[in-house]
Amino acid sequence: QVALRAKECCQQLPLFERGPLRLTVIFVRKRPERMRGAGRIYCSVKPDLDNLIKALKDALKYIVWHDDAQVARCEDEKVYAAPGEKPHVVVTVSRLPVEVT
C-alpha cells in the first residue's frame, strides 16, 4: 500500500539514484477513543518506530531512491492523530550535501 501510494505521488519526479539523502517521517496513528487532549500525542506502543521506518524505506526502494542505504540522516516520530484528524504518514526526502558542515 505504501509503495502504491508513493508511485502515485512520485510519478513525475526523478529517482534519487545516488548520493546521501535526508528522510523525515511522521507516522500519524489512529487516536484511541478514550484519549484526551486537543492535539497530537506521542505514541509509545507497538509497532516499534524503527520497524515502521525499515518497512517504509524498503517500500520506497526504486520509487524514491535507488537504495535505502542512501538515507544518511533520518528524523522520525510516531504520534496519535489530533481529534478529527485521520491516520496518515508524512514523508519528506531531500538531498544532503556530500560534506558534513
Protein backbone atom coordinates (compact mmCIF):
# COMPACT_ATOMS: atom_id res chain seq x y z
CA GLN A 1 0.00 0.00 0.00
CA VAL A 2 2.87 2.38 0.84
CA ALA A 3 4.69 1.62 -2.41
CA LEU A 4 1.50 2.08 -4.44
CA ARG A 5 0.78 5.48 -2.88
CA ALA A 6 4.42 6.53 -3.34
CA LYS A 7 4.25 5.62 -7.04
CA GLU A 8 1.16 7.82 -7.41
CA CYS A 9 2.77 10.76 -5.61
CA CYS A 10 6.21 10.48 -7.22
CA GLN A 11 5.15 9.62 -10.76
CA GLN A 12 6.60 12.81 -12.26
CA LEU A 13 9.66 13.03 -10.00
CA PRO A 14 13.11 11.67 -10.81
CA LEU A 15 14.56 8.82 -8.78
CA PHE A 16 17.33 9.77 -6.33
CA GLU A 17 19.89 7.47 -7.98
CA ARG A 18 22.86 8.21 -5.75
CA GLY A 19 24.13 10.48 -3.04
CA PRO A 20 23.19 11.00 0.59
CA LEU A 21 19.57 11.72 1.48
CA ARG A 22 17.64 13.13 4.40
CA LEU A 23 14.41 11.34 5.34
CA THR A 24 11.82 12.99 7.58
CA VAL A 25 8.78 10.92 8.56
CA ILE A 26 5.75 11.44 10.79
CA PHE A 27 3.55 8.40 11.39
CA VAL A 28 0.13 9.67 12.47
CA ARG A 29 -1.79 6.77 14.01
CA LYS A 30 -5.49 6.43 14.79
CA ARG A 31 -6.34 8.12 18.06
CA PRO A 32 -7.94 5.85 20.68
CA GLU A 33 -11.45 6.94 21.63
CA ARG A 34 -10.56 7.22 25.32
CA MET A 35 -7.59 9.54 24.74
CA ARG A 36 -7.91 13.11 25.99
CA GLY A 37 -6.12 16.19 24.71
CA ALA A 38 -6.54 18.72 21.93
CA GLY A 39 -3.57 17.95 19.70
CA ARG A 40 -1.32 15.13 18.60
CA ILE A 41 0.14 12.95 21.35
CA TYR A 42 3.31 10.87 21.13
CA CYS A 43 2.63 7.16 20.71
CA SER A 44 4.68 4.70 22.76
CA VAL A 45 3.09 1.36 21.84
CA LYS A 46 3.91 -1.21 19.16
CA PRO A 47 4.78 -1.31 16.35
CA ASP A 48 8.26 -0.01 17.12
CA LEU A 49 9.26 3.15 15.28
CA ASP A 50 12.43 1.55 13.87
CA ASN A 51 10.34 -1.27 12.35
CA LEU A 52 7.99 1.24 10.73
CA ILE A 53 10.96 3.15 9.30
CA LYS A 54 12.58 -0.02 7.92
CA ALA A 55 9.34 -1.09 6.22
CA LEU A 56 8.87 2.40 4.75
CA LYS A 57 12.45 2.58 3.47
CA ASP A 58 12.13 -0.83 1.83
CA ALA A 59 8.80 0.14 0.23
CA LEU A 60 10.31 3.28 -1.32
CA LYS A 61 13.22 1.47 -2.98
CA TYR A 62 13.26 2.10 -6.77
CA ILE A 63 10.35 4.55 -6.36
CA VAL A 64 12.03 7.38 -4.45
CA TRP A 65 15.64 6.21 -4.19
CA HIS A 66 17.86 3.55 -5.71
CA ASP A 67 18.79 2.06 -2.34
CA ASP A 68 17.68 2.84 1.21
CA ALA A 69 21.36 2.84 2.21
CA GLN A 70 21.39 6.36 0.70
CA VAL A 71 19.48 7.64 3.73
CA ALA A 72 22.25 9.25 5.78
CA ARG A 73 20.01 11.29 8.07
CA CYS A 74 16.61 10.29 9.41
CA GLU A 75 14.22 12.28 11.58
CA ASP A 76 11.08 10.46 12.60
CA GLU A 77 8.22 10.40 15.06
CA LYS A 78 5.15 8.32 15.84
CA VAL A 79 2.09 10.16 17.17
CA TYR A 80 -1.61 9.71 17.72
CA ALA A 81 -3.76 11.90 15.48
CA ALA A 82 -5.38 15.04 16.84
CA PRO A 83 -9.15 14.81 17.35
CA GLY A 84 -10.80 14.71 13.92
CA GLU A 85 -7.51 14.02 12.10
CA LYS A 86 -7.26 10.86 10.00
CA PRO A 87 -4.29 8.47 10.25
CA HIS A 88 -1.61 9.12 7.63
CA VAL A 89 2.13 9.24 7.03
CA VAL A 90 4.06 12.37 6.06
CA VAL A 91 7.29 11.64 4.19
CA THR A 92 9.84 14.22 3.06
CA VAL A 93 13.03 13.30 1.19
CA SER A 94 15.76 15.75 0.26
CA ARG A 95 19.37 15.66 -0.86
CA LEU A 96 22.13 16.21 1.65
CA PRO A 97 25.42 17.89 0.80
CA VAL A 98 28.25 15.40 0.38
CA GLU A 99 30.33 17.14 3.02
CA VAL A 100 29.10 17.48 6.59
CA THR A 101 29.24 21.08 7.76
